[in-house]
């Protein structure tokens, strides 16, 4: 009875310790490098008028305009 209890205890401890390990969280496959955000995805029906694909200056101008007028809750809130 004692060897069986010892064996079960060792197995229970081994099972508990395997739950403490962490598997590596790496992406598999080929590495994909992202493009610059102003590079765009091509012509789209959702594209903001006035923005030219690949033009960094127009991208920054659109972000500035969005921050000031469209997406700024402080400027849109009524007082």
C-alpha atoms as a PDB file:
ATOM      1  CA  UNK A   1       0.000   0.000   0.000  1.00  0.00           C
ATOM      2  CA  UNK A   2       2.861   2.391   0.810  1.00  0.00           C
ATOM      3  CA  UNK A   3       4.574   2.110  -2.640  1.00  0.00           C
ATOM      4  CA  UNK A   4       1.242   2.730  -4.382  1.00  0.00           C
ATOM      5  CA  UNK A   5       0.579   5.836  -2.281  1.00  0.00           C
ATOM      6  CA  UNK A   6       4.098   7.128  -2.928  1.00  0.00           C
ATOM      7  CA  UNK A   7       3.780   6.526  -6.671  1.00  0.00           C
ATOM      8  CA  UNK A   8       0.419   8.301  -6.815  1.00  0.00           C
ATOM      9  CA  UNK A   9       1.813  11.188  -4.788  1.00  0.00           C
ATOM     10  CA  UNK A  10       4.799  11.566  -7.113  1.00  0.00           C
ATOM     11  CA  UNK A  11       2.512  11.462 -10.176  1.00  0.00           C
ATOM     12  CA  UNK A  12       0.190  14.066  -8.653  1.00  0.00           C
ATOM     13  CA  UNK A  13       3.136  16.351  -7.891  1.00  0.00           C
ATOM     14  CA  UNK A  14       4.527  15.899 -11.413  1.00  0.00           C
ATOM     15  CA  UNK A  15       1.131  16.745 -12.924  1.00  0.00           C
ATOM     16  CA  UNK A  16       0.862  19.843 -10.741  1.00  0.00           C
ATOM     17  CA  UNK A  17       4.334  21.034 -11.748  1.00  0.00           C
ATOM     18  CA  UNK A  18       3.649  20.642 -15.459  1.00  0.00           C
ATOM     19  CA  UNK A  19       0.784  23.116 -15.099  1.00  0.00           C
ATOM     20  CA  UNK A  20       3.294  25.717 -13.860  1.00  0.00           C
ATOM     21  CA  UNK A  21       5.278  25.683 -17.088  1.00  0.00           C
ATOM     22  CA  UNK A  22       4.647  28.195 -19.858  1.00  0.00           C
ATOM     23  CA  UNK A  23       4.886  27.455 -23.530  1.00  0.00           C
ATOM     24  CA  UNK A  24       6.654  29.970 -25.766  1.00  0.00           C
ATOM     25  CA  UNK A  25       4.199  32.329 -27.463  1.00  0.00           C
ATOM     26  CA  UNK A  26       5.839  32.879 -30.808  1.00  0.00           C
ATOM     27  CA  UNK A  27       4.218  33.289 -34.179  1.00  0.00           C
ATOM     28  CA  UNK A  28       4.840  30.466 -36.562  1.00  0.00           C
ATOM     29  CA  UNK A  29       5.568  30.747 -40.233  1.00  0.00           C
ATOM     30  CA  UNK A  30       7.318  33.436 -42.171  1.00  0.00           C
ATOM     31  CA  UNK A  31       7.963  36.768 -40.516  1.00  0.00           C
ATOM     32  CA  UNK A  32       5.773  39.546 -41.856  1.00  0.00           C
ATOM     33  CA  UNK A  33       7.001  43.110 -41.661  1.00  0.00           C
ATOM     34  CA  UNK A  34       4.298  45.738 -41.536  1.00  0.00           C
ATOM     35  CA  UNK A  35       4.218  48.575 -43.971  1.00  0.00           C
ATOM     36  CA  UNK A  36       4.135  52.185 -42.870  1.00  0.00           C
ATOM     37  CA  UNK A  37       0.585  53.235 -41.934  1.00  0.00           C
ATOM     38  CA  UNK A  38       0.497  55.897 -44.631  1.00  0.00           C
ATOM     39  CA  UNK A  39       1.204  53.274 -47.310  1.00  0.00           C
ATOM     40  CA  UNK A  40      -2.476  52.290 -47.272  1.00  0.00           C
ATOM     41  CA  UNK A  41      -4.022  49.220 -48.842  1.00  0.00           C
ATOM     42  CA  UNK A  42      -4.878  50.691 -52.216  1.00  0.00           C
ATOM     43  CA  UNK A  43      -7.994  52.429 -53.455  1.00  0.00           C
ATOM     44  CA  UNK A  44     -10.959  51.861 -51.157  1.00  0.00           C
ATOM     45  CA  UNK A  45     -14.487  53.176 -50.919  1.00  0.00           C
ATOM     46  CA  UNK A  46     -13.765  53.998 -47.275  1.00  0.00           C
ATOM     47  CA  UNK A  47     -10.732  56.132 -48.053  1.00  0.00           C
ATOM     48  CA  UNK A  48     -10.876  59.659 -46.673  1.00  0.00           C
ATOM     49  CA  UNK A  49     -11.146  62.290 -49.420  1.00  0.00           C
ATOM     50  CA  UNK A  50      -7.972  64.356 -49.653  1.00  0.00           C
ATOM     51  CA  UNK A  51      -5.648  61.589 -48.542  1.00  0.00           C
ATOM     52  CA  UNK A  52      -3.235  60.206 -51.105  1.00  0.00           C
ATOM     53  CA  UNK A  53      -1.957  56.649 -50.723  1.00  0.00           C
ATOM     54  CA  UNK A  54       1.719  56.660 -49.772  1.00  0.00           C
ATOM     55  CA  UNK A  55       1.921  60.409 -49.031  1.00  0.00           C
ATOM     56  CA  UNK A  56       3.150  60.861 -45.479  1.00  0.00           C
ATOM     57  CA  UNK A  57       2.386  64.589 -45.347  1.00  0.00           C
ATOM     58  CA  UNK A  58      -1.268  64.131 -46.336  1.00  0.00           C
ATOM     59  CA  UNK A  59      -1.533  61.246 -43.839  1.00  0.00           C
ATOM     60  CA  UNK A  60      -0.307  63.468 -41.008  1.00  0.00           C
ATOM     61  CA  UNK A  61      -2.629  66.271 -42.130  1.00  0.00           C
ATOM     62  CA  UNK A  62      -5.636  63.905 -42.051  1.00  0.00           C
ATOM     63  CA  UNK A  63      -4.693  62.673 -38.570  1.00  0.00           C
ATOM     64  CA  UNK A  64      -4.366  66.235 -37.331  1.00  0.00           C
ATOM     65  CA  UNK A  65      -7.766  67.178 -38.772  1.00  0.00           C
ATOM     66  CA  UNK A  66      -9.369  64.073 -37.264  1.00  0.00           C
ATOM     67  CA  UNK A  67      -7.893  64.870 -33.869  1.00  0.00           C
ATOM     68  CA  UNK A  68      -9.112  68.444 -33.943  1.00  0.00           C
ATOM     69  CA  UNK A  69     -12.593  68.059 -35.385  1.00  0.00           C
ATOM     70  CA  UNK A  70     -13.878  64.536 -35.830  1.00  0.00           C
ATOM     71  CA  UNK A  71     -12.592  62.359 -33.021  1.00  0.00           C
ATOM     72  CA  UNK A  72     -12.068  64.865 -30.206  1.00  0.00           C
ATOM     73  CA  UNK A  73     -14.822  64.404 -27.621  1.00  0.00           C
ATOM     74  CA  UNK A  74     -13.902  67.600 -25.804  1.00  0.00           C
ATOM     75  CA  UNK A  75     -14.582  69.747 -28.854  1.00  0.00           C
ATOM     76  CA  UNK A  76     -17.817  67.876 -29.651  1.00  0.00           C
ATOM     77  CA  UNK A  77     -19.310  67.949 -26.144  1.00  0.00           C
ATOM     78  CA  UNK A  78     -22.006  70.500 -25.421  1.00  0.00           C
ATOM     79  CA  UNK A  79     -21.640  72.571 -22.306  1.00  0.00           C
END
